[in-house]
Amino acid sequence: MAGAVSVLLAVPAYAQKAYGPGASDTEIKLGQSTPLSGPASAFGAGAGRAVVGYFEMLNAKGGINGRKINFTQLDNAYSAPKAVEQSRKLIEDVGILAEVGTIGTAPNVAIQKYLNAKQVPQLFITAGGRRFNDPKAFPWTIPLYPDFETEGRVVAKYILTVKPDARIGVLYQNDDYGKDYLKGLRAGLGPKAELIVAQASYELADPTIDSQIVQLKAAGVDTLIEQSSSKAAAQSIRKVYELGWKPLHVIGGSTASVETILKPAGLEASKGLVTTQFLKQPGDPAWANDEEVKAYKQFLKAYAPSANPDDYSVLVAYMNVHAVELALRKCGDDLTRENLMKQATSLNGERLPMMLPGVAIGTRPGDYTPFRALRIATFDGESWSLTGAPLSAD
């Protein structure tokens, strides 16, 4: 008997199965609330369909480590109260292991305290606010998007290299989306922050930003840096062109889609634009024959045919679910919320499909920052061309 006991005690921990809420021998329950209706439905619905389709594809191939994904997607209408209500349903009624890939700042801010109090992973959210990388206050929240402060720092490093005597004007959206970017830009410029000679903000609901562009031009700006939403970015590109103004014009990475932003603004008007990138743009001719881009388009055609492959939110969702799959596979048979967090915060130089060359994600327990380096790209009138090596925000 003594020998038998010693053998049992010697069984390594990794050989034993452990399950938390939402996991079993046969399935893994995941959930998401997303704006299928309301003011953000244009990007939420497409991205939502891509996520559902990806898990359907995984299940058709046998699931993850032999377990099927039982995925529940609910509509939060991009409303903070609705997002909290749907998270409660997912946790208390459905019984999910984790909430994954929630889109947007407002819904994620609303559910952050609740999910952390319940110790449920708020896993790989699509929001770039700096507040989502706060392991001390919110250890169960992990972002999977370049935070806007990091993006601002990278742009500052680029400007100091190519135009150290720039007269910078900044156009930014008057919320965390714009303010975090501006904070990073100032921090990256450091003692050269006085290069910013003018700045102008706008509200998301503003019908036009023409007056802000005129104001920045009048200030003698020769380098225009903006963190704008898609409508405002297209308007600014067009207005700068109509004014005959030719500043070095840097736009945010989330508004660099050739199909959905630059073509509406005008390809000739967009020529010379600079941006940060971390993903291949499927509508960009430069990647027309790329195998990962082909696979991405084939996946959407088969599993989410109504989703637009050139929709940036769909592209980001595709990257996001790859990361969810990666973390779950690393869990093996230890499918507890604690181990999922351990795996998700221990990614070291992982590259996911559609990431640009030289770009990878890396998280660690004390710092959940997923991206530490981005690429700079310049638009030549037809496609984006990568410029130089990846730039680090450090």
Protein backbone atom coordinates (compact mmCIF):
# COMPACT_ATOMS: atom_id res chain seq x y z
CA MET A 1 0.00 0.00 0.00
CA ALA A 2 2.83 2.36 0.84
CA GLY A 3 4.28 1.85 -2.62
CA ALA A 4 0.92 2.58 -4.24
CA VAL A 5 0.53 5.79 -2.29
CA SER A 6 4.00 7.00 -3.27
CA VAL A 7 3.24 6.37 -6.93
CA LEU A 8 0.05 8.42 -6.72
CA LEU A 9 1.86 11.29 -5.06
CA ALA A 10 4.47 11.25 -7.81
CA VAL A 11 1.95 12.00 -10.59
CA PRO A 12 3.05 15.35 -12.06
CA ALA A 13 0.61 18.22 -11.71
CA TYR A 14 0.47 18.84 -15.45
CA ALA A 15 -1.01 15.37 -16.01
CA GLN A 16 -4.07 16.15 -13.91
CA LYS A 17 -7.15 17.90 -15.20
CA ALA A 18 -8.50 21.00 -13.53
CA TYR A 19 -11.67 22.80 -14.47
CA GLY A 20 -13.11 26.13 -13.46
CA PRO A 21 -16.52 27.53 -14.36
CA GLY A 22 -17.33 27.13 -18.04
CA ALA A 23 -14.96 24.25 -18.79
CA SER A 24 -15.26 20.46 -18.91
CA ASP A 25 -13.93 17.42 -20.75
CA THR A 26 -16.08 18.27 -23.74
CA GLU A 27 -16.48 22.06 -23.97
CA ILE A 28 -15.22 25.52 -23.15
CA LYS A 29 -17.83 28.23 -22.63
CA LEU A 30 -16.80 31.69 -23.78
CA GLY A 31 -18.84 34.87 -24.11
CA GLN A 32 -18.78 38.32 -25.58
CA SER A 33 -20.98 41.37 -25.69
CA THR A 34 -20.61 43.50 -28.77
CA PRO A 35 -22.50 46.36 -30.49
CA LEU A 36 -24.77 44.48 -32.87
CA SER A 37 -27.06 47.52 -32.80
CA GLY A 38 -26.75 51.18 -31.87
CA PRO A 39 -24.21 53.83 -32.90
CA ALA A 40 -21.26 51.44 -33.23
CA SER A 41 -23.07 48.61 -34.98
CA ALA A 42 -21.22 49.29 -38.25
CA PHE A 43 -18.02 47.83 -36.86
CA GLY A 44 -19.44 45.67 -34.06
CA ALA A 45 -21.68 43.57 -36.27
CA GLY A 46 -18.96 42.71 -38.80
CA ALA A 47 -16.40 41.90 -36.14
CA GLY A 48 -19.01 39.90 -34.23
CA ARG A 49 -19.77 37.74 -37.25
CA ALA A 50 -16.06 37.07 -37.75
CA VAL A 51 -15.66 35.91 -34.14
CA VAL A 52 -18.68 33.58 -34.35
CA GLY A 53 -17.40 32.21 -37.65
CA TYR A 54 -13.93 31.57 -36.27
CA PHE A 55 -15.21 29.46 -33.40
CA GLU A 56 -17.46 27.58 -35.83
CA MET A 57 -14.38 26.84 -37.93
CA LEU A 58 -12.43 25.67 -34.88
CA ASN A 59 -15.27 23.37 -33.82
CA ALA A 60 -15.46 21.91 -37.33
CA LYS A 61 -11.78 21.00 -36.93
CA GLY A 62 -12.29 19.36 -33.53
CA GLY A 63 -12.16 22.35 -31.21
CA ILE A 64 -9.29 23.19 -28.86
CA ASN A 65 -7.46 20.31 -27.21
CA GLY A 66 -10.45 18.12 -28.06
CA ARG A 67 -13.05 20.47 -26.58
CA LYS A 68 -15.70 22.35 -28.56
CA ILE A 69 -16.15 26.07 -28.02
CA ASN A 70 -19.62 26.95 -26.72
CA PHE A 71 -19.74 30.64 -27.61
CA THR A 72 -22.45 33.09 -26.55
CA GLN A 73 -22.57 36.53 -28.14
CA LEU A 74 -24.92 39.23 -26.81
CA ASP A 75 -25.73 42.73 -28.05
CA ASN A 76 -24.59 45.62 -25.82
CA ALA A 77 -25.63 48.35 -28.32
CA TYR A 78 -22.42 50.18 -27.31
CA SER A 79 -24.21 51.20 -24.10
CA ALA A 80 -22.35 51.06 -20.79
CA PRO A 81 -25.38 49.93 -18.71
CA LYS A 82 -26.30 47.34 -21.35
CA ALA A 83 -22.73 46.01 -21.39
CA VAL A 84 -22.85 45.43 -17.62
CA GLU A 85 -26.24 43.72 -17.94
CA GLN A 86 -24.94 41.38 -20.65
CA SER A 87 -21.78 40.54 -18.71
CA ARG A 88 -23.92 39.55 -15.74
CA LYS A 89 -25.92 37.25 -17.99
CA LEU A 90 -22.81 35.67 -19.42
CA ILE A 91 -21.32 34.99 -16.00
CA GLU A 92 -24.32 34.29 -13.79
CA ASP A 93 -26.68 32.64 -16.29
CA VAL A 94 -24.50 31.14 -19.04
CA GLY A 95 -21.51 30.39 -16.78
CA ILE A 96 -18.62 31.31 -19.09
CA LEU A 97 -14.93 30.72 -18.44
CA ALA A 98 -14.02 34.17 -19.81
CA GLU A 99 -15.42 37.18 -21.64
CA VAL A 100 -13.35 37.69 -24.78
CA GLY A 101 -12.65 40.39 -27.34
CA THR A 102 -15.09 43.04 -26.16
CA ILE A 103 -14.95 46.06 -28.50
CA GLY A 104 -14.58 49.70 -27.52
CA THR A 105 -13.59 51.88 -24.60
CA ALA A 106 -17.01 52.67 -23.11
CA PRO A 107 -18.27 49.06 -22.77
CA ASN A 108 -14.94 47.82 -21.42
CA VAL A 109 -14.73 50.60 -18.83
CA ALA A 110 -18.28 49.76 -17.74
CA ILE A 111 -17.64 46.04 -17.18
CA GLN A 112 -14.07 46.26 -15.90
CA LYS A 113 -14.85 46.61 -12.19
CA TYR A 114 -17.58 43.93 -12.26
CA LEU A 115 -15.46 41.31 -14.08
CA ASN A 116 -12.47 41.94 -11.82
CA ALA A 117 -14.62 41.67 -8.69
CA LYS A 118 -15.91 38.33 -10.00
CA GLN A 119 -12.36 37.29 -10.99
CA VAL A 120 -13.44 36.54 -14.54
CA PRO A 121 -10.90 37.12 -17.34
CA GLN A 122 -11.71 40.20 -19.41
CA LEU A 123 -9.58 38.65 -22.08
CA PHE A 124 -7.90 40.35 -25.04
CA ILE A 125 -10.18 43.35 -25.29
CA THR A 126 -10.18 45.61 -28.35
CA ALA A 127 -9.59 49.00 -26.76
CA GLY A 128 -6.45 51.11 -26.67
CA GLY A 129 -6.96 53.08 -23.46
CA ARG A 130 -4.02 53.03 -21.06
CA ARG A 131 -6.38 52.22 -18.16
CA PHE A 132 -6.75 48.67 -19.47
CA ASN A 133 -3.13 47.87 -18.67
CA ASP A 134 -3.28 48.14 -14.88
CA PRO A 135 -2.43 44.74 -13.38
CA LYS A 136 -2.45 46.10 -9.81
CA ALA A 137 -5.93 47.61 -9.88
CA PHE A 138 -7.47 45.35 -12.56
CA PRO A 139 -5.49 42.10 -12.74
CA TRP A 140 -8.21 40.27 -14.73
CA THR A 141 -8.27 42.75 -17.65
CA ILE A 142 -5.92 42.09 -20.58
CA PRO A 143 -5.84 44.28 -23.72
CA LEU A 144 -4.87 43.06 -27.16
CA TYR A 145 -4.53 46.28 -29.11
CA PRO A 146 -1.68 48.81 -29.29
CA ASP A 147 -2.55 51.33 -26.61
CA PHE A 148 -2.89 54.86 -27.91
CA GLU A 149 -0.17 56.19 -25.63
CA THR A 150 2.28 53.71 -27.15
CA GLU A 151 1.21 54.78 -30.63
CA GLY A 152 1.80 58.43 -29.74
CA ARG A 153 5.28 57.62 -28.43
CA VAL A 154 6.19 55.76 -31.62
CA VAL A 155 5.02 58.68 -33.77
CA ALA A 156 7.08 61.09 -31.63
CA LYS A 157 10.18 58.98 -32.19
CA TYR A 158 9.53 59.01 -35.93
CA ILE A 159 9.06 62.80 -36.05
CA LEU A 160 12.25 63.44 -34.07
CA THR A 161 14.12 61.32 -36.61
CA VAL A 162 12.73 62.69 -39.88
CA LYS A 163 11.77 66.25 -38.94
CA PRO A 164 13.49 67.36 -35.71
CA ASP A 165 12.57 71.01 -36.30
CA ALA A 166 8.89 70.34 -37.00
CA ARG A 167 6.11 72.78 -36.16
CA ILE A 168 3.53 70.26 -34.97
CA GLY A 169 -0.21 70.71 -34.89
CA VAL A 170 -2.37 68.03 -33.26
CA LEU A 171 -6.00 67.19 -34.04
CA TYR A 172 -7.52 64.79 -31.52
CA GLN A 173 -10.86 63.38 -30.46
CA ASN A 174 -11.86 64.83 -27.09
CA ASP A 175 -11.95 61.59 -25.10
CA ASP A 176 -9.53 58.90 -23.90
CA TYR A 177 -8.99 57.80 -27.51
CA GLY A 178 -7.47 61.17 -28.40
CA LYS A 179 -6.11 62.25 -25.02
CA ASP A 180 -4.07 59.07 -24.42
CA TYR A 181 -2.49 59.47 -27.85
CA LEU A 182 -1.63 63.13 -27.16
CA LYS A 183 -0.17 62.15 -23.79
CA GLY A 184 2.06 59.57 -25.47
CA LEU A 185 3.10 62.02 -28.17
CA ARG A 186 4.16 64.61 -25.59
CA ALA A 187 5.99 62.00 -23.51
CA GLY A 188 7.79 60.69 -26.59
CA LEU A 189 8.88 64.17 -27.61
CA GLY A 190 10.20 64.76 -24.10
CA PRO A 191 12.15 68.04 -23.94
CA LYS A 192 11.13 68.69 -27.55
CA ALA A 193 7.42 68.83 -26.63
CA GLU A 194 7.53 72.54 -27.43
CA LEU A 195 7.53 71.46 -31.10
CA ILE A 196 3.76 71.23 -30.63
CA VAL A 197 2.72 74.78 -31.56
CA ALA A 198 -1.04 74.21 -31.86
CA GLN A 199 -3.68 71.67 -31.00
CA ALA A 200 -7.39 71.34 -31.69
CA SER A 201 -9.96 68.88 -30.41
CA TYR A 202 -13.36 67.81 -31.68
CA GLU A 203 -16.31 65.88 -30.27
CA LEU A 204 -17.28 62.53 -31.75
CA ALA A 205 -20.75 63.90 -32.59
CA ASP A 206 -19.40 66.96 -34.45
CA PRO A 207 -20.61 66.93 -38.08
CA THR A 208 -17.33 68.29 -39.45
CA ILE A 209 -13.76 69.17 -38.42
CA ASP A 210 -13.13 71.67 -41.24
CA SER A 211 -12.75 74.64 -38.89
CA GLN A 212 -10.12 72.82 -36.81
CA ILE A 213 -8.06 72.08 -39.93
CA VAL A 214 -8.24 75.72 -41.01
CA GLN A 215 -7.20 76.77 -37.50
CA LEU A 216 -4.15 74.48 -37.48
CA LYS A 217 -3.04 75.62 -40.94
CA ALA A 218 -3.30 79.25 -39.82
CA ALA A 219 -1.00 78.49 -36.88
CA GLY A 220 1.87 77.81 -39.27
CA VAL A 221 1.87 74.06 -38.69
CA ASP A 222 4.03 72.01 -41.07
CA THR A 223 3.46 68.64 -39.38
CA LEU A 224 -0.15 67.60 -38.76
CA ILE A 225 -0.64 64.68 -36.36
CA GLU A 226 -4.13 63.42 -35.71
CA GLN A 227 -5.94 60.81 -33.69
CA SER A 228 -9.38 60.89 -35.20
CA SER A 229 -12.28 58.52 -35.77
CA SER A 230 -12.85 57.27 -39.30
CA LYS A 231 -15.31 59.99 -40.41
CA ALA A 232 -13.15 62.81 -39.05
CA ALA A 233 -9.98 61.31 -40.53
CA ALA A 234 -11.51 61.10 -44.01
CA GLN A 235 -12.75 64.70 -43.66
CA SER A 236 -9.37 66.01 -42.53
CA ILE A 237 -7.50 64.27 -45.36
CA ARG A 238 -9.89 65.81 -47.86
CA LYS A 239 -9.85 69.29 -46.29
CA VAL A 240 -6.04 69.45 -46.15
CA TYR A 241 -5.98 68.57 -49.85
CA GLU A 242 -8.65 71.12 -50.78
CA LEU A 243 -6.72 73.86 -48.94
CA GLY A 244 -3.61 73.10 -50.99
CA TRP A 245 -1.83 72.57 -47.67
CA LYS A 246 1.08 70.11 -47.75
CA PRO A 247 2.14 69.29 -44.18
CA LEU A 248 3.69 66.00 -43.15
CA HIS A 249 0.37 64.39 -42.24
CA VAL A 250 0.30 61.50 -39.73
CA ILE A 251 -2.97 59.67 -39.12
CA GLY A 252 -3.85 57.07 -36.47
CA GLY A 253 -3.35 53.42 -37.27
CA SER A 254 -7.03 52.61 -36.75
CA THR A 255 -8.00 54.95 -39.60
CA ALA A 256 -5.51 53.79 -42.24
CA SER A 257 -7.78 51.48 -44.24
CA VAL A 258 -7.31 52.01 -47.98
CA GLU A 259 -10.83 50.82 -48.78
CA THR A 260 -12.89 52.43 -46.02
CA ILE A 261 -10.99 55.67 -45.29
CA LEU A 262 -8.52 56.63 -47.98
CA LYS A 263 -10.64 55.87 -51.04
CA PRO A 264 -13.61 57.89 -49.72
CA ALA A 265 -11.21 60.74 -48.89
CA GLY A 266 -9.56 60.42 -52.31
CA LEU A 267 -6.42 58.48 -53.17
CA GLU A 268 -4.73 61.55 -54.63
CA ALA A 269 -5.60 63.50 -51.48
CA SER A 270 -4.18 60.66 -49.38
CA LYS A 271 -0.82 60.49 -51.12
CA GLY A 272 2.06 61.06 -48.70
CA LEU A 273 0.13 60.18 -45.54
CA VAL A 274 2.06 58.48 -42.75
CA THR A 275 0.67 56.07 -40.15
CA THR A 276 1.56 53.36 -37.68
CA GLN A 277 0.69 49.76 -38.51
CA PHE A 278 0.86 46.36 -36.88
CA LEU A 279 -1.40 44.35 -39.21
CA LYS A 280 -1.39 43.70 -42.93
CA GLN A 281 -4.14 45.61 -44.71
CA PRO A 282 -6.16 43.11 -46.80
CA GLY A 283 -7.39 45.80 -49.20
CA ASP A 284 -3.85 47.07 -49.84
CA PRO A 285 -2.43 45.92 -53.22
CA ALA A 286 0.94 45.38 -51.50
CA TRP A 287 -0.47 42.25 -49.82
CA ALA A 288 -2.60 40.95 -52.70
CA ASN A 289 -0.61 37.71 -53.04
CA ASP A 290 0.26 37.20 -49.38
CA GLU A 291 -0.68 33.71 -48.12
CA GLU A 292 -2.02 34.95 -44.77
CA VAL A 293 -4.20 37.53 -46.49
CA LYS A 294 -5.53 34.86 -48.84
CA ALA A 295 -6.31 32.58 -45.88
CA TYR A 296 -8.06 35.44 -44.06
CA LYS A 297 -10.28 36.20 -47.06
CA GLN A 298 -11.05 32.51 -47.61
CA PHE A 299 -12.06 32.14 -43.96
CA LEU A 300 -14.47 35.08 -44.18
CA LYS A 301 -15.94 33.82 -47.43
CA ALA A 302 -16.66 30.43 -45.84
CA TYR A 303 -17.69 31.38 -42.29
CA ALA A 304 -18.65 35.07 -42.28
CA PRO A 305 -19.59 35.98 -45.87
CA SER A 306 -21.42 39.16 -44.87
CA ALA A 307 -18.32 40.58 -43.13
CA ASN A 308 -16.22 43.02 -45.14
CA PRO A 309 -12.57 41.83 -45.23
CA ASP A 310 -11.45 45.47 -45.53
CA ASP A 311 -13.31 46.45 -42.35
CA TYR A 312 -10.54 47.19 -39.82
CA SER A 313 -12.65 45.93 -36.90
CA VAL A 314 -13.09 42.57 -38.67
CA LEU A 315 -9.34 42.32 -39.20
CA VAL A 316 -8.63 43.09 -35.53
CA ALA A 317 -11.26 40.56 -34.42
CA TYR A 318 -9.55 37.91 -36.57
CA MET A 319 -6.25 38.58 -34.80
CA ASN A 320 -8.01 38.59 -31.45
CA VAL A 321 -9.61 35.15 -31.77
CA HIS A 322 -6.28 33.70 -32.84
CA ALA A 323 -4.86 34.98 -29.55
CA VAL A 324 -7.77 33.50 -27.59
CA GLU A 325 -7.15 30.14 -29.25
CA LEU A 326 -3.42 30.38 -28.50
CA ALA A 327 -3.96 31.06 -24.79
CA LEU A 328 -6.52 28.25 -24.47
CA ARG A 329 -4.24 25.75 -26.19
CA LYS A 330 -1.44 26.70 -23.80
CA CYS A 331 -3.79 25.91 -20.90
CA GLY A 332 -3.90 22.25 -21.88
CA ASP A 333 -6.17 20.41 -19.44
CA ASP A 334 -5.82 23.05 -16.72
CA LEU A 335 -8.84 25.09 -17.74
CA THR A 336 -9.25 27.35 -14.76
CA ARG A 337 -9.65 31.11 -14.92
CA GLU A 338 -6.39 31.48 -13.00
CA ASN A 339 -4.42 29.39 -15.47
CA LEU A 340 -5.99 31.14 -18.45
CA MET A 341 -4.77 34.43 -17.00
CA LYS A 342 -1.34 32.92 -16.38
CA GLN A 343 -1.02 31.82 -20.00
CA ALA A 344 -2.44 35.04 -21.42
CA THR A 345 0.01 37.15 -19.42
CA SER A 346 3.04 35.04 -20.34
CA LEU A 347 3.17 35.48 -24.10
CA ASN A 348 6.72 36.06 -25.21
CA GLY A 349 7.29 37.29 -28.75
CA GLU A 350 4.26 35.48 -30.18
CA ARG A 351 3.36 36.29 -33.76
CA LEU A 352 -0.25 35.94 -34.89
CA PRO A 353 -1.52 35.65 -38.48
CA MET A 354 -1.82 39.00 -40.31
CA MET A 355 0.80 40.72 -38.14
CA LEU A 356 3.38 42.71 -40.06
CA PRO A 357 6.97 41.47 -40.28
CA GLY A 358 8.87 42.40 -37.14
CA VAL A 359 5.73 42.81 -35.02
CA ALA A 360 4.88 40.42 -32.19
CA ILE A 361 2.97 40.41 -28.92
CA GLY A 362 4.54 40.00 -25.52
CA THR A 363 2.77 40.13 -22.16
CA ARG A 364 4.13 39.56 -18.66
CA PRO A 365 2.48 39.38 -15.23
CA GLY A 366 3.43 42.90 -14.15
CA ASP A 367 2.86 44.57 -17.52
CA TYR A 368 0.11 43.51 -19.90
CA THR A 369 1.24 45.80 -22.75
CA PRO A 370 0.76 43.56 -25.81
CA PHE A 371 2.63 45.67 -28.38
CA ARG A 372 5.87 47.48 -27.69
CA ALA A 373 6.87 48.25 -31.27
CA LEU A 374 4.96 49.36 -34.37
CA ARG A 375 5.81 49.89 -38.02
CA ILE A 376 5.74 53.24 -39.83
CA ALA A 377 4.15 53.24 -43.28
CA THR A 378 3.75 55.86 -46.02
CA PHE A 379 0.93 55.92 -48.58
CA ASP A 380 2.12 56.24 -52.19
CA GLY A 381 -1.28 56.86 -53.73
CA GLU A 382 -2.11 53.18 -54.16
CA SER A 383 -0.80 51.27 -51.17
CA TRP A 384 1.09 51.61 -47.89
CA SER A 385 4.86 51.10 -47.96
CA LEU A 386 6.64 50.14 -44.75
CA THR A 387 9.38 52.56 -43.76
CA GLY A 388 12.43 51.39 -41.83
CA ALA A 389 12.56 48.88 -38.99
CA PRO A 390 9.89 48.56 -36.26
CA LEU A 391 9.99 51.50 -33.84
CA SER A 392 9.83 50.80 -30.14
CA ALA A 393 7.89 53.04 -27.76
CA ASP A 394 10.51 52.48 -25.04
